[in-house]
N, C-alpha and C. Protein backbone atom coordinates (compact mmCIF):
# COMPACT_ATOMS: atom_id res chain seq x y z
N MET A 1 -23.39 4.64 -26.05
CA MET A 1 -22.95 4.74 -24.66
C MET A 1 -21.44 4.98 -24.57
N LYS A 2 -20.67 4.27 -25.42
CA LYS A 2 -19.21 4.44 -25.35
C LYS A 2 -18.80 5.86 -25.71
N GLU A 3 -19.56 6.51 -26.58
CA GLU A 3 -19.24 7.87 -26.98
C GLU A 3 -19.40 8.84 -25.81
N ILE A 4 -20.32 8.56 -24.91
CA ILE A 4 -20.52 9.41 -23.73
C ILE A 4 -19.27 9.43 -22.87
N PHE A 5 -18.67 8.25 -22.66
CA PHE A 5 -17.46 8.19 -21.85
C PHE A 5 -16.26 8.83 -22.55
N GLU A 6 -16.24 8.71 -23.86
CA GLU A 6 -15.19 9.38 -24.63
C GLU A 6 -15.33 10.89 -24.49
N VAL A 7 -16.55 11.39 -24.58
CA VAL A 7 -16.83 12.81 -24.42
C VAL A 7 -16.44 13.28 -23.02
N LEU A 8 -16.80 12.51 -22.00
CA LEU A 8 -16.45 12.87 -20.62
C LEU A 8 -14.94 12.93 -20.44
N MET A 9 -14.22 11.96 -21.04
CA MET A 9 -12.76 11.97 -20.97
C MET A 9 -12.21 13.24 -21.62
N LEU A 10 -12.71 13.56 -22.79
CA LEU A 10 -12.22 14.74 -23.51
C LEU A 10 -12.57 16.03 -22.77
N ILE A 11 -13.72 16.06 -22.11
CA ILE A 11 -14.09 17.24 -21.33
C ILE A 11 -13.16 17.39 -20.13
N CYS A 12 -12.86 16.27 -19.47
CA CYS A 12 -11.92 16.33 -18.33
C CYS A 12 -10.56 16.84 -18.78
N PHE A 13 -10.05 16.30 -19.90
CA PHE A 13 -8.79 16.80 -20.43
C PHE A 13 -8.93 18.25 -20.88
N GLY A 14 -10.08 18.57 -21.45
CA GLY A 14 -10.34 19.93 -21.92
C GLY A 14 -10.34 20.95 -20.79
N ILE A 15 -10.65 20.51 -19.59
CA ILE A 15 -10.58 21.38 -18.41
C ILE A 15 -9.14 21.44 -17.89
N SER A 16 -8.46 20.30 -17.91
CA SER A 16 -7.11 20.20 -17.35
C SER A 16 -6.07 20.98 -18.15
N TRP A 17 -6.13 20.91 -19.46
CA TRP A 17 -5.09 21.55 -20.28
C TRP A 17 -5.07 23.06 -20.16
N PRO A 18 -6.22 23.74 -20.16
CA PRO A 18 -6.16 25.20 -19.96
C PRO A 18 -5.56 25.58 -18.60
N ILE A 19 -5.80 24.76 -17.58
CA ILE A 19 -5.19 25.01 -16.27
C ILE A 19 -3.68 24.94 -16.39
N SER A 20 -3.19 23.95 -17.14
CA SER A 20 -1.75 23.80 -17.36
C SER A 20 -1.19 25.01 -18.11
N VAL A 21 -1.94 25.50 -19.10
CA VAL A 21 -1.50 26.67 -19.86
C VAL A 21 -1.39 27.89 -18.94
N VAL A 22 -2.38 28.10 -18.11
CA VAL A 22 -2.37 29.25 -17.18
C VAL A 22 -1.18 29.15 -16.23
N LYS A 23 -0.92 27.94 -15.71
CA LYS A 23 0.22 27.75 -14.81
C LYS A 23 1.54 28.03 -15.54
N SER A 24 1.63 27.61 -16.80
CA SER A 24 2.85 27.87 -17.58
C SER A 24 3.06 29.36 -17.79
N ILE A 25 1.98 30.06 -18.06
CA ILE A 25 2.08 31.51 -18.28
C ILE A 25 2.47 32.22 -16.99
N LYS A 26 1.82 31.85 -15.88
CA LYS A 26 2.10 32.51 -14.60
C LYS A 26 3.50 32.22 -14.10
N SER A 27 3.96 30.98 -14.24
CA SER A 27 5.26 30.61 -13.68
C SER A 27 6.42 31.15 -14.51
N ARG A 28 6.19 31.36 -15.79
CA ARG A 28 7.23 31.81 -16.71
C ARG A 28 8.47 30.92 -16.64
N SER A 29 8.24 29.65 -16.38
CA SER A 29 9.33 28.69 -16.28
C SER A 29 8.86 27.35 -16.84
N SER A 30 9.81 26.61 -17.40
CA SER A 30 9.48 25.28 -17.92
C SER A 30 9.85 24.18 -16.93
N LYS A 31 10.28 24.58 -15.75
CA LYS A 31 10.67 23.60 -14.74
C LYS A 31 9.47 22.72 -14.39
N GLY A 32 9.71 21.43 -14.36
CA GLY A 32 8.65 20.48 -14.06
C GLY A 32 7.83 20.07 -15.27
N LYS A 33 8.14 20.61 -16.43
CA LYS A 33 7.41 20.27 -17.64
C LYS A 33 8.26 19.33 -18.48
N SER A 34 7.63 18.34 -19.08
CA SER A 34 8.31 17.45 -19.99
C SER A 34 7.82 17.75 -21.41
N LEU A 35 8.71 18.32 -22.20
CA LEU A 35 8.33 18.65 -23.58
C LEU A 35 8.07 17.38 -24.38
N ILE A 36 8.84 16.33 -24.11
CA ILE A 36 8.63 15.06 -24.82
C ILE A 36 7.25 14.49 -24.50
N PHE A 37 6.86 14.54 -23.23
CA PHE A 37 5.54 14.06 -22.83
C PHE A 37 4.45 14.84 -23.57
N THR A 38 4.60 16.15 -23.64
CA THR A 38 3.60 16.98 -24.32
C THR A 38 3.53 16.65 -25.80
N VAL A 39 4.67 16.41 -26.43
CA VAL A 39 4.68 16.03 -27.86
C VAL A 39 3.98 14.69 -28.05
N VAL A 40 4.19 13.74 -27.14
CA VAL A 40 3.52 12.44 -27.23
C VAL A 40 2.00 12.62 -27.11
N ILE A 41 1.56 13.49 -26.21
CA ILE A 41 0.13 13.78 -26.07
C ILE A 41 -0.42 14.36 -27.38
N ILE A 42 0.33 15.28 -27.98
CA ILE A 42 -0.10 15.89 -29.25
C ILE A 42 -0.23 14.81 -30.32
N ILE A 43 0.74 13.91 -30.40
CA ILE A 43 0.67 12.82 -31.37
C ILE A 43 -0.56 11.96 -31.11
N GLY A 44 -0.86 11.71 -29.84
CA GLY A 44 -2.06 10.95 -29.49
C GLY A 44 -3.33 11.63 -29.96
N TYR A 45 -3.41 12.93 -29.77
CA TYR A 45 -4.60 13.66 -30.24
C TYR A 45 -4.69 13.64 -31.76
N ILE A 46 -3.57 13.76 -32.45
CA ILE A 46 -3.57 13.69 -33.92
C ILE A 46 -4.06 12.31 -34.37
N CYS A 47 -3.62 11.27 -33.68
CA CYS A 47 -4.09 9.92 -34.02
C CYS A 47 -5.59 9.79 -33.76
N GLY A 48 -6.07 10.35 -32.65
CA GLY A 48 -7.50 10.31 -32.35
C GLY A 48 -8.32 11.05 -33.40
N ILE A 49 -7.82 12.21 -33.82
CA ILE A 49 -8.51 12.99 -34.86
C ILE A 49 -8.52 12.22 -36.17
N THR A 50 -7.39 11.63 -36.51
CA THR A 50 -7.29 10.85 -37.75
C THR A 50 -8.27 9.67 -37.72
N SER A 51 -8.35 9.01 -36.57
CA SER A 51 -9.26 7.89 -36.41
C SER A 51 -10.71 8.32 -36.63
N LYS A 52 -11.07 9.46 -36.07
CA LYS A 52 -12.44 9.97 -36.23
C LYS A 52 -12.74 10.30 -37.70
N ILE A 53 -11.79 10.93 -38.37
CA ILE A 53 -12.00 11.33 -39.76
C ILE A 53 -12.08 10.10 -40.66
N VAL A 54 -11.12 9.16 -40.49
CA VAL A 54 -11.11 7.94 -41.30
C VAL A 54 -12.38 7.12 -41.06
N GLY A 55 -12.85 7.09 -39.81
CA GLY A 55 -14.06 6.34 -39.48
C GLY A 55 -15.35 7.06 -39.85
N GLY A 56 -15.22 8.28 -40.35
CA GLY A 56 -16.41 9.05 -40.74
C GLY A 56 -17.16 9.66 -39.58
N ASN A 57 -16.55 9.68 -38.40
CA ASN A 57 -17.19 10.26 -37.21
C ASN A 57 -16.73 11.71 -37.05
N THR A 58 -17.32 12.58 -37.82
CA THR A 58 -16.88 13.98 -37.79
C THR A 58 -17.85 14.86 -37.00
N GLY A 59 -18.45 14.31 -35.98
CA GLY A 59 -19.38 15.06 -35.16
C GLY A 59 -18.68 15.88 -34.09
N TYR A 60 -19.42 16.19 -33.04
CA TYR A 60 -18.93 17.06 -31.97
C TYR A 60 -17.74 16.47 -31.22
N VAL A 61 -17.61 15.14 -31.16
CA VAL A 61 -16.47 14.53 -30.46
C VAL A 61 -15.17 14.91 -31.17
N LEU A 62 -15.19 14.94 -32.48
CA LEU A 62 -14.01 15.34 -33.25
C LEU A 62 -13.57 16.74 -32.84
N TRP A 63 -14.52 17.63 -32.64
CA TRP A 63 -14.18 19.01 -32.28
C TRP A 63 -13.62 19.11 -30.86
N LEU A 64 -14.00 18.19 -29.99
CA LEU A 64 -13.38 18.14 -28.66
C LEU A 64 -11.91 17.73 -28.77
N TYR A 65 -11.63 16.77 -29.66
CA TYR A 65 -10.24 16.39 -29.92
C TYR A 65 -9.45 17.58 -30.47
N VAL A 66 -10.05 18.29 -31.42
CA VAL A 66 -9.38 19.44 -32.03
C VAL A 66 -9.13 20.53 -30.98
N PHE A 67 -10.12 20.81 -30.16
CA PHE A 67 -9.97 21.81 -29.10
C PHE A 67 -8.81 21.44 -28.18
N ASN A 68 -8.80 20.18 -27.73
CA ASN A 68 -7.72 19.73 -26.83
C ASN A 68 -6.36 19.81 -27.53
N LEU A 69 -6.31 19.44 -28.79
CA LEU A 69 -5.06 19.52 -29.55
C LEU A 69 -4.54 20.96 -29.60
N VAL A 70 -5.43 21.89 -29.85
CA VAL A 70 -5.05 23.31 -29.92
C VAL A 70 -4.50 23.78 -28.57
N ILE A 71 -5.17 23.41 -27.49
CA ILE A 71 -4.75 23.85 -26.16
C ILE A 71 -3.41 23.22 -25.78
N VAL A 72 -3.24 21.91 -26.05
CA VAL A 72 -1.97 21.24 -25.73
C VAL A 72 -0.84 21.82 -26.57
N THR A 73 -1.12 22.13 -27.83
CA THR A 73 -0.10 22.74 -28.69
C THR A 73 0.28 24.12 -28.15
N ALA A 74 -0.69 24.89 -27.69
CA ALA A 74 -0.41 26.19 -27.08
C ALA A 74 0.47 26.01 -25.84
N ASP A 75 0.16 24.98 -25.03
CA ASP A 75 0.96 24.71 -23.84
C ASP A 75 2.39 24.35 -24.23
N LEU A 76 2.56 23.58 -25.30
CA LEU A 76 3.89 23.23 -25.78
C LEU A 76 4.66 24.47 -26.22
N ILE A 77 4.00 25.34 -26.96
CA ILE A 77 4.65 26.58 -27.43
C ILE A 77 5.07 27.44 -26.24
N ILE A 78 4.19 27.60 -25.28
CA ILE A 78 4.52 28.39 -24.08
C ILE A 78 5.67 27.74 -23.32
N SER A 79 5.67 26.42 -23.22
CA SER A 79 6.74 25.72 -22.52
C SER A 79 8.08 25.89 -23.23
N VAL A 80 8.07 25.87 -24.55
CA VAL A 80 9.31 26.07 -25.31
C VAL A 80 9.82 27.49 -25.10
N ILE A 81 8.93 28.46 -25.14
CA ILE A 81 9.31 29.86 -24.89
C ILE A 81 9.89 29.98 -23.48
N ASN A 82 9.21 29.36 -22.50
CA ASN A 82 9.71 29.40 -21.12
C ASN A 82 11.06 28.72 -20.99
N LYS A 83 11.26 27.62 -21.72
CA LYS A 83 12.55 26.90 -21.68
C LYS A 83 13.66 27.79 -22.23
N VAL A 84 13.39 28.48 -23.34
CA VAL A 84 14.38 29.40 -23.91
C VAL A 84 14.70 30.50 -22.90
N ASN A 85 13.68 31.06 -22.26
CA ASN A 85 13.90 32.10 -21.25
C ASN A 85 14.65 31.57 -20.03
N ASP A 86 14.34 30.32 -19.61
CA ASP A 86 15.07 29.71 -18.50
C ASP A 86 16.55 29.59 -18.84
N ASN A 87 16.84 29.12 -20.05
CA ASN A 87 18.23 28.96 -20.47
C ASN A 87 18.94 30.31 -20.57
N LYS A 88 18.22 31.32 -21.05
CA LYS A 88 18.79 32.67 -21.15
C LYS A 88 19.12 33.21 -19.75
N LYS A 89 18.19 33.04 -18.82
CA LYS A 89 18.41 33.51 -17.44
C LYS A 89 19.59 32.77 -16.81
N ALA A 90 19.70 31.48 -17.08
CA ALA A 90 20.80 30.70 -16.52
C ALA A 90 22.14 31.19 -17.06
N ARG A 91 22.19 31.49 -18.37
CA ARG A 91 23.43 32.01 -18.96
C ARG A 91 23.77 33.37 -18.39
N GLU A 92 22.78 34.25 -18.27
CA GLU A 92 23.02 35.59 -17.72
C GLU A 92 23.46 35.50 -16.26
N GLY A 93 22.85 34.63 -15.50
CA GLY A 93 23.22 34.46 -14.10
C GLY A 93 24.63 33.93 -13.97
N HIS A 94 25.02 33.06 -14.88
CA HIS A 94 26.37 32.51 -14.85
C HIS A 94 27.40 33.59 -15.18
N GLU A 95 27.07 34.45 -16.12
CA GLU A 95 27.99 35.52 -16.51
C GLU A 95 28.12 36.58 -15.43
N GLU A 96 27.05 36.78 -14.64
CA GLU A 96 27.05 37.83 -13.62
C GLU A 96 27.72 37.41 -12.32
N LYS A 97 27.94 36.12 -12.15
CA LYS A 97 28.57 35.67 -10.91
C LYS A 97 29.98 36.24 -10.81
N GLU A 98 30.33 36.56 -9.60
CA GLU A 98 31.68 37.07 -9.38
C GLU A 98 32.69 35.94 -9.54
N GLU A 99 33.90 36.32 -9.92
CA GLU A 99 34.95 35.32 -10.06
C GLU A 99 35.29 34.76 -8.69
N THR A 100 35.49 33.48 -8.65
CA THR A 100 35.89 32.85 -7.40
C THR A 100 37.28 32.25 -7.57
N PHE A 101 38.00 32.25 -6.50
CA PHE A 101 39.34 31.67 -6.51
C PHE A 101 39.35 30.50 -5.54
N HIS A 102 39.98 29.46 -5.94
CA HIS A 102 40.06 28.27 -5.10
C HIS A 102 41.44 28.23 -4.45
N LYS A 103 41.44 28.12 -3.12
CA LYS A 103 42.70 28.05 -2.39
C LYS A 103 42.57 26.92 -1.38
N GLY A 104 43.23 25.81 -1.65
CA GLY A 104 43.13 24.65 -0.76
C GLY A 104 41.70 24.16 -0.69
N GLU A 105 41.17 24.01 0.53
CA GLU A 105 39.81 23.54 0.73
C GLU A 105 38.81 24.69 0.85
N GLU A 106 39.30 25.92 0.85
CA GLU A 106 38.42 27.07 1.05
C GLU A 106 38.19 27.80 -0.27
N HIS A 107 37.06 28.48 -0.38
CA HIS A 107 36.74 29.30 -1.55
C HIS A 107 36.69 30.74 -1.11
N TYR A 108 37.29 31.59 -1.88
CA TYR A 108 37.26 33.01 -1.60
C TYR A 108 36.58 33.71 -2.77
N VAL A 109 35.72 34.66 -2.48
CA VAL A 109 35.03 35.42 -3.50
C VAL A 109 35.77 36.74 -3.68
N LYS A 110 36.04 37.09 -4.94
CA LYS A 110 36.77 38.31 -5.23
C LYS A 110 35.99 39.49 -4.68
N GLY A 111 36.66 40.37 -3.98
CA GLY A 111 36.03 41.57 -3.45
C GLY A 111 35.59 41.44 -2.00
N CYS A 112 35.72 40.26 -1.41
CA CYS A 112 35.32 40.08 -0.01
C CYS A 112 36.50 40.26 0.91
């Protein structure tokens, strides 16, 4: 009976993670994502897989853990790529800004 609830939990996560991957791909941004949180989830799945292997439970539940681990790892990779792109865009945007001059309490933009 306990294995049924474990399977249901893994199926729920198995549905949730691909949704997160799709959102990461569509948004092309890492904003709102915690890379540390994702790494902790990956460590949790590795521990779950290790527990199943050490306990000799190498049935279908193990493969649900592996599937989820693969999807979460893909989400982490996409998030890292998006983070690099976010940082690149921020640097480019900073370089493209016009020079500003500060005069007293007012700001003047060069060329205005």
